[in-house]
PDB file of N, CA and C in Angstrom:
ATOM      1  N   MET A   1      70.297  41.675 102.122  1.00  0.00           N
ATOM      2  CA  MET A   1      70.768  42.595 102.015  1.00  0.00           C
ATOM      3  C   MET A   1      71.467  43.771 102.820  1.00  0.00           C
ATOM      4  N   ASN A   2      70.770  44.082 104.134  1.00  0.00           N
ATOM      5  CA  ASN A   2      71.958  44.823 104.483  1.00  0.00           C
ATOM      6  C   ASN A   2      72.196  43.838 105.937  1.00  0.00           C
ATOM      7  N   ASP A   3      73.314  43.111 106.222  1.00  0.00           N
ATOM      8  CA  ASP A   3      73.497  42.277 107.347  1.00  0.00           C
ATOM      9  C   ASP A   3      73.796  42.906 108.506  1.00  0.00           C
ATOM     10  N   LYS A   4      74.197  44.117 108.833  1.00  0.00           N
ATOM     11  CA  LYS A   4      74.339  44.831 110.168  1.00  0.00           C
ATOM     12  C   LYS A   4      72.472  45.016 111.013  1.00  0.00           C
ATOM     13  N   ALA A   5      73.317  44.788 113.004  1.00  0.00           N
ATOM     14  CA  ALA A   5      72.062  44.559 112.881  1.00  0.00           C
ATOM     15  C   ALA A   5      71.923  45.701 114.002  1.00  0.00           C
ATOM     16  N   ILE A   6      71.151  45.577 114.580  1.00  0.00           N
ATOM     17  CA  ILE A   6      70.211  47.256 115.285  1.00  0.00           C
ATOM     18  C   ILE A   6      70.518  46.672 116.155  1.00  0.00           C
ATOM     19  N   GLU A   7      70.891  47.615 117.088  1.00  0.00           N
ATOM     20  CA  GLU A   7      71.268  47.539 118.857  1.00  0.00           C
ATOM     21  C   GLU A   7      69.974  48.647 119.204  1.00  0.00           C
ATOM     22  N   VAL A   8      68.972  48.151 119.982  1.00  0.00           N
ATOM     23  CA  VAL A   8      67.896  48.947 120.690  1.00  0.00           C
ATOM     24  C   VAL A   8      68.662  48.976 121.992  1.00  0.00           C
ATOM     25  N   THR A   9      68.880  50.153 122.698  1.00  0.00           N
ATOM     26  CA  THR A   9      68.896  50.751 123.723  1.00  0.00           C
ATOM     27  C   THR A   9      67.809  51.254 124.434  1.00  0.00           C
ATOM     28  N   ASP A  10      68.253  50.997 126.078  1.00  0.00           N
ATOM     29  CA  ASP A  10      66.950  51.003 126.772  1.00  0.00           C
ATOM     30  C   ASP A  10      66.606  52.431 126.908  1.00  0.00           C
ATOM     31  N   THR A  11      65.477  52.956 126.861  1.00  0.00           N
ATOM     32  CA  THR A  11      65.256  54.334 126.641  1.00  0.00           C
ATOM     33  C   THR A  11      64.278  54.488 128.067  1.00  0.00           C
ATOM     34  N   ASP A  12      64.136  54.092 128.426  1.00  0.00           N
ATOM     35  CA  ASP A  12      63.485  54.327 130.200  1.00  0.00           C
ATOM     36  C   ASP A  12      64.197  54.987 131.010  1.00  0.00           C
ATOM     37  N   HIS A  13      65.355  55.092 131.022  1.00  0.00           N
ATOM     38  CA  HIS A  13      66.317  55.532 131.694  1.00  0.00           C
ATOM     39  C   HIS A  13      66.257  56.960 131.419  1.00  0.00           C
ATOM     40  N   SER A  14      66.365  57.756 131.903  1.00  0.00           N
ATOM     41  CA  SER A  14      66.970  59.055 131.762  1.00  0.00           C
ATOM     42  C   SER A  14      67.931  59.837 132.431  1.00  0.00           C
ATOM     43  N   VAL A  15      68.861  60.541 131.521  1.00  0.00           N
ATOM     44  CA  VAL A  15      70.003  61.466 132.262  1.00  0.00           C
ATOM     45  C   VAL A  15      69.632  62.670 132.399  1.00  0.00           C
ATOM     46  N   ALA A  16      70.278  63.118 133.941  1.00  0.00           N
ATOM     47  CA  ALA A  16      69.858  64.007 134.449  1.00  0.00           C
ATOM     48  C   ALA A  16      71.019  65.285 134.014  1.00  0.00           C
ATOM     49  N   LYS A  17      70.422  66.046 133.644  1.00  0.00           N
ATOM     50  CA  LYS A  17      70.654  67.483 132.045  1.00  0.00           C
ATOM     51  C   LYS A  17      71.284  68.461 133.659  1.00  0.00           C
ATOM     52  N   LYS A  18      72.210  68.659 132.999  1.00  0.00           N
ATOM     53  CA  LYS A  18      73.474  69.536 134.144  1.00  0.00           C
ATOM     54  C   LYS A  18      72.443  71.164 133.681  1.00  0.00           C
ATOM     55  N   ASN A  19      72.948  71.969 135.212  1.00  0.00           N
ATOM     56  CA  ASN A  19      71.918  73.416 135.201  1.00  0.00           C
ATOM     57  C   ASN A  19      73.200  73.829 135.045  1.00  0.00           C
ATOM     58  N   LYS A  20      72.600  75.448 134.012  1.00  0.00           N
ATOM     59  CA  LYS A  20      73.590  76.269 134.325  1.00  0.00           C
ATOM     60  C   LYS A  20      73.551  77.366 135.325  1.00  0.00           C
ATOM     61  N   ILE A  21      75.005  77.554 135.269  1.00  0.00           N
ATOM     62  CA  ILE A  21      75.043  78.588 136.151  1.00  0.00           C
ATOM     63  C   ILE A  21      74.684  79.974 136.023  1.00  0.00           C
ATOM     64  N   VAL A  22      74.121  81.100 136.325  1.00  0.00           N
ATOM     65  CA  VAL A  22      73.572  81.919 135.919  1.00  0.00           C
ATOM     66  C   VAL A  22      74.370  83.393 136.583  1.00  0.00           C
ATOM     67  N   GLN A  23      75.264  83.791 136.923  1.00  0.00           N
ATOM     68  CA  GLN A  23      75.738  85.045 137.210  1.00  0.00           C
ATOM     69  C   GLN A  23      75.224  86.216 136.331  1.00  0.00           C
ATOM     70  N   SER A  24      75.104  87.497 137.505  1.00  0.00           N
ATOM     71  CA  SER A  24      75.193  89.161 136.840  1.00  0.00           C
ATOM     72  C   SER A  24      76.146  89.482 137.061  1.00  0.00           C
ATOM     73  N   LYS A  25      76.232  91.162 135.665  1.00  0.00           N
ATOM     74  CA  LYS A  25      77.089  91.453 135.562  1.00  0.00           C
ATOM     75  C   LYS A  25      77.820  91.625 136.421  1.00  0.00           C
ATOM     76  N   ASN A  26      77.220  92.119 137.783  1.00  0.00           N
ATOM     77  CA  ASN A  26      77.952  92.582 138.814  1.00  0.00           C
ATOM     78  C   ASN A  26      78.402  91.495 140.043  1.00  0.00           C
ATOM     79  N   GLN A  27      78.607  90.261 139.971  1.00  0.00           N
ATOM     80  CA  GLN A  27      78.830  89.331 140.539  1.00  0.00           C
ATOM     81  C   GLN A  27      79.930  89.089 139.707  1.00  0.00           C
ATOM     82  N   ALA A  28      81.390  88.699 140.783  1.00  0.00           N
ATOM     83  CA  ALA A  28      82.397  87.989 140.237  1.00  0.00           C
ATOM     84  C   ALA A  28      81.912  86.625 139.985  1.00  0.00           C
ATOM     85  N   PRO A  29      82.529  86.149 139.322  1.00  0.00           N
ATOM     86  CA  PRO A  29      83.031  84.282 139.549  1.00  0.00           C
ATOM     87  C   PRO A  29      83.074  84.090 140.614  1.00  0.00           C
ATOM     88  N   ALA A  30      82.694  82.538 141.101  1.00  0.00           N
ATOM     89  CA  ALA A  30      83.184  81.673 142.103  1.00  0.00           C
ATOM     90  C   ALA A  30      84.126  81.188 141.918  1.00  0.00           C
ATOM     91  N   GLU A  31      84.722  81.045 142.896  1.00  0.00           N
ATOM     92  CA  GLU A  31      86.286  80.764 142.999  1.00  0.00           C
ATOM     93  C   GLU A  31      86.143  78.806 143.527  1.00  0.00           C
ATOM     94  N   ALA A  32      87.291  78.404 142.765  1.00  0.00           N
ATOM     95  CA  ALA A  32      87.338  76.507 143.110  1.00  0.00           C
ATOM     96  C   ALA A  32      87.346  77.062 144.645  1.00  0.00           C
ATOM     97  N   GLY A  33      88.272  77.860 144.955  1.00  0.00           N
ATOM     98  CA  GLY A  33      88.877  77.513 146.301  1.00  0.00           C
ATOM     99  C   GLY A  33      87.352  77.942 147.686  1.00  0.00           C
ATOM    100  N   GLY A  34      86.247  77.975 147.163  1.00  0.00           N
ATOM    101  CA  GLY A  34      85.623  78.006 147.790  1.00  0.00           C
ATOM    102  C   GLY A  34      85.139  79.755 148.867  1.00  0.00           C
ATOM    103  N   SER A  35      86.170  80.633 148.509  1.00  0.00           N
ATOM    104  CA  SER A  35      85.802  81.837 148.870  1.00  0.00           C
ATOM    105  C   SER A  35      84.988  82.831 148.217  1.00  0.00           C
ATOM    106  N   SER A  36      84.188  83.422 148.985  1.00  0.00           N
ATOM    107  CA  SER A  36      82.627  84.307 148.508  1.00  0.00           C
ATOM    108  C   SER A  36      83.609  85.428 147.898  1.00  0.00           C
ATOM    109  N   PRO A  37      82.720  86.044 146.701  1.00  0.00           N
ATOM    110  CA  PRO A  37      82.779  86.847 145.778  1.00  0.00           C
ATOM    111  C   PRO A  37      83.354  88.407 146.687  1.00  0.00           C
ATOM    112  N   GLU A  38      83.085  88.378 148.147  1.00  0.00           N
ATOM    113  CA  GLU A  38      82.897  89.346 148.451  1.00  0.00           C
ATOM    114  C   GLU A  38      84.943  89.697 149.258  1.00  0.00           C
ATOM    115  N   ALA A  39      85.280  88.575 149.853  1.00  0.00           N
ATOM    116  CA  ALA A  39      86.494  88.426 149.730  1.00  0.00           C
ATOM    117  C   ALA A  39      87.627  88.841 148.505  1.00  0.00           C
ATOM    118  N   LYS A  40      87.233  89.018 147.693  1.00  0.00           N
ATOM    119  CA  LYS A  40      88.420  89.924 146.322  1.00  0.00           C
ATOM    120  C   LYS A  40      88.404  90.596 146.131  1.00  0.00           C
ATOM    121  N   PRO A  41      88.857  91.381 146.650  1.00  0.00           N
ATOM    122  CA  PRO A  41      88.558  93.509 146.495  1.00  0.00           C
ATOM    123  C   PRO A  41      88.759  93.572 145.214  1.00  0.00           C
ATOM    124  N   ARG A  42      88.157  94.306 144.859  1.00  0.00           N
ATOM    125  CA  ARG A  42      88.159  94.698 143.038  1.00  0.00           C
ATOM    126  C   ARG A  42      89.231  95.873 143.508  1.00  0.00           C
ATOM    127  N   ARG A  43      89.216  96.198 141.761  1.00  0.00           N
ATOM    128  CA  ARG A  43      90.446  96.783 141.441  1.00  0.00           C
ATOM    129  C   ARG A  43      90.014  97.735 141.273  1.00  0.00           C
ATOM    130  N   VAL A  44      90.339  99.269 141.605  1.00  0.00           N
ATOM    131  CA  VAL A  44      90.024 100.641 141.198  1.00  0.00           C
ATOM    132  C   VAL A  44      90.927 101.320 139.933  1.00  0.00           C
ATOM    133  N   PRO A  45      90.550 101.744 138.977  1.00  0.00           N
ATOM    134  CA  PRO A  45      91.031 102.244 137.928  1.00  0.00           C
ATOM    135  C   PRO A  45      92.015 103.582 138.313  1.00  0.00           C
ATOM    136  N   ARG A  46      92.924 103.449 137.882  1.00  0.00           N
ATOM    137  CA  ARG A  46      93.705 104.242 138.410  1.00  0.00           C
ATOM    138  C   ARG A  46      93.313 105.959 137.372  1.00  0.00           C
ATOM    139  N   PRO A  47      93.787 107.417 138.114  1.00  0.00           N
ATOM    140  CA  PRO A  47      93.570 108.340 137.135  1.00  0.00           C
ATOM    141  C   PRO A  47      95.302 107.995 136.242  1.00  0.00           C
ATOM    142  N   ARG A  48      95.008 108.596 135.229  1.00  0.00           N
ATOM    143  CA  ARG A  48      95.675 108.779 133.772  1.00  0.00           C
ATOM    144  C   ARG A  48      96.866 109.861 134.280  1.00  0.00           C
ATOM    145  N   ARG A  49      98.420 109.517 134.133  1.00  0.00           N
ATOM    146  CA  ARG A  49      98.975 110.796 134.635  1.00  0.00           C
ATOM    147  C   ARG A  49      98.912 111.633 133.146  1.00  0.00           C
ATOM    148  N   GLY A  50      99.056 112.666 133.622  1.00  0.00           N
ATOM    149  CA  GLY A  50      99.892 114.101 132.054  1.00  0.00           C
ATOM    150  C   GLY A  50     100.736 113.999 131.470  1.00  0.00           C
ATOM    151  N   ALA A  51     100.556 114.547 130.766  1.00  0.00           N
ATOM    152  CA  ALA A  51     101.823 114.898 129.268  1.00  0.00           C
ATOM    153  C   ALA A  51     102.873 114.696 130.647  1.00  0.00           C
ATOM    154  N   THR A  52     104.675 114.104 130.413  1.00  0.00           N
ATOM    155  CA  THR A  52     105.469 114.471 131.254  1.00  0.00           C
ATOM    156  C   THR A  52     106.337 115.711 129.924  1.00  0.00           C
ATOM    157  N   SER A  53     106.919 116.292 131.133  1.00  0.00           N
ATOM    158  CA  SER A  53     108.250 117.304 130.545  1.00  0.00           C
ATOM    159  C   SER A  53     108.491 117.064 129.312  1.00  0.00           C
ATOM    160  N   ARG A  54     109.070 118.184 128.731  1.00  0.00           N
ATOM    161  CA  ARG A  54     110.053 117.743 127.831  1.00  0.00           C
ATOM    162  C   ARG A  54     111.672 117.840 128.830  1.00  0.00           C
ATOM    163  N   LYS A  55     112.462 117.739 128.130  1.00  0.00           N
ATOM    164  CA  LYS A  55     113.727 117.390 128.876  1.00  0.00           C
ATOM    165  C   LYS A  55     114.198 118.938 128.003  1.00  0.00           C
ATOM    166  N   LYS A  56     114.877 119.445 129.667  1.00  0.00           N
ATOM    167  CA  LYS A  56     115.706 120.350 129.383  1.00  0.00           C
ATOM    168  C   LYS A  56     116.919 120.290 128.557  1.00  0.00           C
ATOM    169  N   PRO A  57     117.165 121.624 127.966  1.00  0.00           N
ATOM    170  CA  PRO A  57     118.347 121.526 126.731  1.00  0.00           C
ATOM    171  C   PRO A  57     119.831 121.035 128.143  1.00  0.00           C
ATOM    172  N   ALA A  58     121.232 121.001 127.008  1.00  0.00           N
ATOM    173  CA  ALA A  58     121.967 120.404 127.694  1.00  0.00           C
ATOM    174  C   ALA A  58     122.544 122.254 128.253  1.00  0.00           C
ATOM    175  N   THR A  59     123.009 123.017 129.651  1.00  0.00           N
ATOM    176  CA  THR A  59     123.402 124.208 129.516  1.00  0.00           C
ATOM    177  C   THR A  59     124.955 124.055 129.465  1.00  0.00           C
ATOM    178  N   ASP A  60     125.495 123.158 129.241  1.00  0.00           N
ATOM    179  CA  ASP A  60     127.138 123.268 129.466  1.00  0.00           C
ATOM    180  C   ASP A  60     127.787 123.849 127.976  1.00  0.00           C
ATOM    181  N   GLY A  61     127.131 124.712 127.096  1.00  0.00           N
ATOM    182  CA  GLY A  61     127.665 125.498 126.228  1.00  0.00           C
ATOM    183  C   GLY A  61     128.183 125.151 124.680  1.00  0.00           C
ATOM    184  N   THR A  62     127.520 123.412 125.118  1.00  0.00           N
ATOM    185  CA  THR A  62     128.104 122.650 123.692  1.00  0.00           C
ATOM    186  C   THR A  62     126.839 123.138 122.615  1.00  0.00           C
ATOM    187  N   ASN A  63     126.634 123.231 121.627  1.00  0.00           N
ATOM    188  CA  ASN A  63     125.943 123.788 120.358  1.00  0.00           C
ATOM    189  C   ASN A  63     125.668 122.470 119.309  1.00  0.00           C
ATOM    190  N   ILE A  64     124.574 122.360 119.080  1.00  0.00           N
ATOM    191  CA  ILE A  64     124.101 121.186 118.146  1.00  0.00           C
ATOM    192  C   ILE A  64     123.725 121.909 116.948  1.00  0.00           C
ATOM    193  N   SER A  65     124.355 121.346 115.553  1.00  0.00           N
ATOM    194  CA  SER A  65     123.729 122.159 114.553  1.00  0.00           C
ATOM    195  C   SER A  65     122.588 121.406 114.272  1.00  0.00           C
ATOM    196  N   MET A  66     121.576 121.764 113.028  1.00  0.00           N
ATOM    197  CA  MET A  66     120.833 120.720 112.284  1.00  0.00           C
ATOM    198  C   MET A  66     121.179 121.388 110.745  1.00  0.00           C
ATOM    199  N   PRO A  67     120.310 120.371 110.324  1.00  0.00           N
ATOM    200  CA  PRO A  67     120.692 120.721 108.722  1.00  0.00           C
ATOM    201  C   PRO A  67     119.901 121.637 108.051  1.00  0.00           C
ATOM    202  N   PRO A  68     120.415 122.244 106.822  1.00  0.00           N
ATOM    203  CA  PRO A  68     119.250 123.706 106.590  1.00  0.00           C
ATOM    204  C   PRO A  68     117.546 123.213 106.515  1.00  0.00           C
ATOM    205  N   GLU A  69     117.638 122.360 105.665  1.00  0.00           N
ATOM    206  CA  GLU A  69     116.097 121.863 105.465  1.00  0.00           C
ATOM    207  C   GLU A  69     115.055 121.470 106.688  1.00  0.00           C
ATOM    208  N   ALA A  70     115.926 121.089 107.965  1.00  0.00           N
ATOM    209  CA  ALA A  70     115.202 120.812 108.927  1.00  0.00           C
ATOM    210  C   ALA A  70     115.174 122.328 109.817  1.00  0.00           C
ATOM    211  N   GLY A  71     115.301 123.282 109.637  1.00  0.00           N
ATOM    212  CA  GLY A  71     114.702 124.126 110.176  1.00  0.00           C
ATOM    213  C   GLY A  71     113.764 125.274 109.504  1.00  0.00           C
ATOM    214  N   GLY A  72     113.977 124.861 108.354  1.00  0.00           N
ATOM    215  CA  GLY A  72     112.429 126.257 107.487  1.00  0.00           C
ATOM    216  C   GLY A  72     111.407 124.846 107.282  1.00  0.00           C
ATOM    217  N   LEU A  73     110.562 125.826 106.779  1.00  0.00           N
ATOM    218  CA  LEU A  73     109.952 123.816 105.734  1.00  0.00           C
ATOM    219  C   LEU A  73     110.466 123.976 104.536  1.00  0.00           C
ATOM    220  N   ALA A  74     110.076 122.633 104.534  1.00  0.00           N
ATOM    221  CA  ALA A  74     111.310 121.683 103.125  1.00  0.00           C
ATOM    222  C   ALA A  74     109.765 122.140 102.095  1.00  0.00           C
ATOM    223  N   GLU A  75     109.955 122.435 100.935  1.00  0.00           N
ATOM    224  CA  GLU A  75     108.611 122.042 100.239  1.00  0.00           C
ATOM    225  C   GLU A  75     109.230 121.053  99.565  1.00  0.00           C
ATOM    226  N   PRO A  76     107.708 120.098  99.967  1.00  0.00           N
ATOM    227  CA  PRO A  76     107.530 118.876  98.815  1.00  0.00           C
ATOM    228  C   PRO A  76     108.049 118.375  97.570  1.00  0.00           C
ATOM    229  N   SER A  77     108.521 117.279  97.424  1.00  0.00           N
ATOM    230  CA  SER A  77     109.367 116.377  96.323  1.00  0.00           C
ATOM    231  C   SER A  77     108.124 116.803  95.137  1.00  0.00           C
ATOM    232  N   ASP A  78     108.138 116.566  94.346  1.00  0.00           N
ATOM    233  CA  ASP A  78     107.018 116.028  93.091  1.00  0.00           C
ATOM    234  C   ASP A  78     106.415 114.741  93.344  1.00  0.00           C
ATOM    235  N   ASP A  79     107.675 114.021  93.507  1.00  0.00           N
ATOM    236  CA  ASP A  79     106.876 112.449  93.330  1.00  0.00           C
ATOM    237  C   ASP A  79     105.895 112.342  94.387  1.00  0.00           C
ATOM    238  N   ALA A  80     105.870 113.182  95.471  1.00  0.00           N
ATOM    239  CA  ALA A  80     105.527 112.951  96.801  1.00  0.00           C
ATOM    240  C   ALA A  80     104.090 113.763  96.552  1.00  0.00           C
ATOM    241  N   ILE A  81     104.094 115.071  95.624  1.00  0.00           N
ATOM    242  CA  ILE A  81     102.587 115.788  95.568  1.00  0.00           C
ATOM    243  C   ILE A  81     102.228 115.004  94.715  1.00  0.00           C
ATOM    244  N   ARG A  82     102.928 114.053  93.418  1.00  0.00           N
ATOM    245  CA  ARG A  82     101.789 113.457  92.682  1.00  0.00           C
ATOM    246  C   ARG A  82     101.319 112.271  93.155  1.00  0.00           C
ATOM    247  N   LEU A  83     101.425 111.786  94.316  1.00  0.00           N
ATOM    248  CA  LEU A  83     100.963 110.207  94.299  1.00  0.00           C
ATOM    249  C   LEU A  83     100.057 110.812  95.023  1.00  0.00           C
ATOM    250  N   ARG A  84     100.314 112.053  96.347  1.00  0.00           N
ATOM    251  CA  ARG A  84      99.003 112.773  97.322  1.00  0.00           C
ATOM    252  C   ARG A  84      97.963 112.641  96.333  1.00  0.00           C
ATOM    253  N   ALA A  85      98.721 113.976  95.396  1.00  0.00           N
ATOM    254  CA  ALA A  85      97.373 114.078  94.562  1.00  0.00           C
ATOM    255  C   ALA A  85      96.464 112.934  93.390  1.00  0.00           C
ATOM    256  N   TYR A  86      97.056 111.705  93.369  1.00  0.00           N
ATOM    257  CA  TYR A  86      96.821 110.349  92.720  1.00  0.00           C
ATOM    258  C   TYR A  86      95.385 110.075  93.966  1.00  0.00           C
ATOM    259  N   PHE A  87      95.593 109.768  95.199  1.00  0.00           N
ATOM    260  CA  PHE A  87      94.926 109.725  95.742  1.00  0.00           C
ATOM    261  C   PHE A  87      93.921 110.615  96.055  1.00  0.00           C
ATOM    262  N   ILE A  88      94.626 111.447  96.459  1.00  0.00           N
ATOM    263  CA  ILE A  88      93.283 112.439  95.855  1.00  0.00           C
ATOM    264  C   ILE A  88      91.590 112.632  94.673  1.00  0.00           C
ATOM    265  N   SER A  89      92.669 112.094  93.625  1.00  0.00           N
ATOM    266  CA  SER A  89      91.668 111.264  92.352  1.00  0.00           C
ATOM    267  C   SER A  89      90.990 110.729  92.492  1.00  0.00           C
ATOM    268  N   GLU A  90      91.796 109.885  93.476  1.00  0.00           N
ATOM    269  CA  GLU A  90      90.932 108.476  93.708  1.00  0.00           C
ATOM    270  C   GLU A  90      89.460 108.863  94.318  1.00  0.00           C
ATOM    271  N   ARG A  91      90.031 109.204  95.077  1.00  0.00           N
ATOM    272  CA  ARG A  91      88.711 109.685  96.271  1.00  0.00           C
ATOM    273  C   ARG A  91      87.384 110.095  95.809  1.00  0.00           C
ATOM    274  N   ARG A  92      88.189 111.046  95.044  1.00  0.00           N
ATOM    275  CA  ARG A  92      87.044 112.808  94.284  1.00  0.00           C
ATOM    276  C   ARG A  92      86.595 111.533  93.132  1.00  0.00           C
ATOM    277  N   ARG A  93      87.097 110.876  92.226  1.00  0.00           N
ATOM    278  CA  ARG A  93      86.172 109.794  91.634  1.00  0.00           C
ATOM    279  C   ARG A  93      85.077 108.990  92.340  1.00  0.00           C
ATOM    280  N   ARG A  94      86.003 108.590  93.300  1.00  0.00           N
ATOM    281  CA  ARG A  94      85.059 107.185  94.128  1.00  0.00           C
ATOM    282  C   ARG A  94      83.789 108.072  94.298  1.00  0.00           C
ATOM    283  N   PHE A  95      83.613 109.080  95.140  1.00  0.00           N
ATOM    284  CA  PHE A  95      82.475 110.096  95.575  1.00  0.00           C
ATOM    285  C   PHE A  95      81.620 110.931  94.801  1.00  0.00           C
ATOM    286  N   ALA A  96      81.937 110.543  93.504  1.00  0.00           N
ATOM    287  CA  ALA A  96      81.865 112.028  92.424  1.00  0.00           C
ATOM    288  C   ALA A  96      81.752 113.254  93.130  1.00  0.00           C
ATOM    289  N   LEU A  97      82.722 113.519  93.371  1.00  0.00           N
ATOM    290  CA  LEU A  97      82.823 114.939  94.151  1.00  0.00           C
ATOM    291  C   LEU A  97      84.097 115.913  92.591  1.00  0.00           C
ATOM    292  N   PRO A  98      83.161 116.950  92.302  1.00  0.00           N
ATOM    293  CA  PRO A  98      83.632 118.440  91.833  1.00  0.00           C
ATOM    294  C   PRO A  98      85.732 118.318  91.603  1.00  0.00           C
ATOM    295  N   GLY A  99      85.674 118.586  90.829  1.00  0.00           N
ATOM    296  CA  GLY A  99      87.391 119.099  91.073  1.00  0.00           C
ATOM    297  C   GLY A  99      88.015 118.451  89.370  1.00  0.00           C
ATOM    298  N   ASP A 100      89.424 118.729  89.481  1.00  0.00           N
ATOM    299  CA  ASP A 100      90.205 118.397  88.095  1.00  0.00           C
ATOM    300  C   ASP A 100      91.602 118.044  88.514  1.00  0.00           C
ATOM    301  N   ALA A 101      92.866 117.755  87.455  1.00  0.00           N
ATOM    302  CA  ALA A 101      94.573 117.120  88.127  1.00  0.00           C
ATOM    303  C   ALA A 101      94.733 118.402  88.900  1.00  0.00           C
ATOM    304  N   GLU A 102      94.034 119.851  88.028  1.00  0.00           N
ATOM    305  CA  GLU A 102      95.123 120.132  89.084  1.00  0.00           C
ATOM    306  C   GLU A 102      94.383 121.433  90.156  1.00  0.00           C
ATOM    307  N   SER A 103      92.968 121.246  90.410  1.00  0.00           N
ATOM    308  CA  SER A 103      92.559 121.488  92.048  1.00  0.00           C
ATOM    309  C   SER A 103      93.450 120.076  92.845  1.00  0.00           C
ATOM    310  N   ASP A 104      93.913 119.075  92.933  1.00  0.00           N
ATOM    311  CA  ASP A 104      94.109 117.388  93.222  1.00  0.00           C
ATOM    312  C   ASP A 104      95.581 117.365  93.232  1.00  0.00           C
ATOM    313  N   TRP A 105      96.513 118.828  92.529  1.00  0.00           N
ATOM    314  CA  TRP A 105      98.049 118.809  92.457  1.00  0.00           C
ATOM    315  C   TRP A 105      98.180 119.903  94.084  1.00  0.00           C
ATOM    316  N   LEU A 106      97.210 120.632  93.785  1.00  0.00           N
ATOM    317  CA  LEU A 106      97.017 121.943  94.597  1.00  0.00           C
ATOM    318  C   LEU A 106      97.013 121.428  96.187  1.00  0.00           C
ATOM    319  N   GLU A 107      95.947 120.546  95.779  1.00  0.00           N
ATOM    320  CA  GLU A 107      95.384 120.432  97.171  1.00  0.00           C
ATOM    321  C   GLU A 107      96.259 119.149  98.058  1.00  0.00           C
ATOM    322  N   ALA A 108      96.799 118.571  96.996  1.00  0.00           N
ATOM    323  CA  ALA A 108      98.038 117.698  97.543  1.00  0.00           C
ATOM    324  C   ALA A 108      99.311 118.229  98.118  1.00  0.00           C
ATOM    325  N   LYS A 109      99.679 119.550  97.481  1.00  0.00           N
ATOM    326  CA  LYS A 109     100.556 120.074  97.957  1.00  0.00           C
ATOM    327  C   LYS A 109     100.251 121.143  99.030  1.00  0.00           C
ATOM    328  N   ARG A 110      98.886 121.006  99.844  1.00  0.00           N
ATOM    329  CA  ARG A 110      98.497 122.002 100.691  1.00  0.00           C
ATOM    330  C   ARG A 110      98.567 121.063 102.093  1.00  0.00           C
ATOM    331  N   GLN A 111      98.069 119.772 101.621  1.00  0.00           N
ATOM    332  CA  GLN A 111      98.351 118.538 102.414  1.00  0.00           C
ATOM    333  C   GLN A 111      99.968 118.601 103.200  1.00  0.00           C
ATOM    334  N   LEU A 112     100.658 118.111 102.094  1.00  0.00           N
ATOM    335  CA  LEU A 112     102.406 118.357 102.202  1.00  0.00           C
ATOM    336  C   LEU A 112     102.816 119.072 103.218  1.00  0.00           C
ATOM    337  N   LEU A 113     102.230 120.348 102.671  1.00  0.00           N
ATOM    338  CA  LEU A 113     103.119 121.522 103.258  1.00  0.00           C
ATOM    339  C   LEU A 113     102.319 121.429 104.780  1.00  0.00           C
ATOM    340  N   PHE A 114     101.581 121.208 104.801  1.00  0.00           N
ATOM    341  CA  PHE A 114     100.541 121.184 106.466  1.00  0.00           C
ATOM    342  C   PHE A 114     101.335 120.463 107.715  1.00  0.00           C
ATOM    343  N   GLU A 115     101.242 119.101 106.935  1.00  0.00           N
ATOM    344  CA  GLU A 115     102.230 117.885 107.561  1.00  0.00           C
ATOM    345  C   GLU A 115     103.244 118.222 107.540  1.00  0.00           C
ATOM    346  N   GLY A 116     104.297 118.761 106.819  1.00  0.00           N
ATOM    347  CA  GLY A 116     105.595 119.072 107.304  1.00  0.00           C
ATOM    348  C   GLY A 116     105.784 120.389 108.270  1.00  0.00           C
ATOM    349  N   GLY A 117     105.231 120.880 108.029  1.00  0.00           N
ATOM    350  CA  GLY A 117     105.112 121.909 108.916  1.00  0.00           C
ATOM    351  C   GLY A 117     104.889 121.597 110.770  1.00  0.00           C
ATOM    352  N   ARG A 118     103.909 120.681 110.761  1.00  0.00           N
ATOM    353  CA  ARG A 118     103.021 119.946 111.855  1.00  0.00           C
ATOM    354  C   ARG A 118     104.488 119.242 112.549  1.00  0.00           C
ATOM    355  N   ARG A 119     105.170 118.716 111.725  1.00  0.00           N
ATOM    356  CA  ARG A 119     106.451 117.363 112.537  1.00  0.00           C
ATOM    357  C   ARG A 119     107.396 118.159 112.816  1.00  0.00           C
TER     358      ARG A 119
END
């Protein structure tokens, strides 16, 4: 049947179990060099810097012109409104909110005008 021999091991000897080292959250990990955790300086968080001031325009008399559409509120394109209205309608349907295609179009146009004015 089965020609393999089973080897019997000596079970009288026990293997020493490794002890788990448990550290508290406030205790720094032990260094391999044998230094104590108190010898290692702690890092103190620095306060965040405030916003930097904007660069002042040059006063050498040069004038940089901007394109006319950059100065005023640009009307969003119909394609941009259509795409935004699509996503608004999908969200409305997913959450079963009231509304129709016209309200989605108007909401999309309002959002795009608001975002264009902020930038």
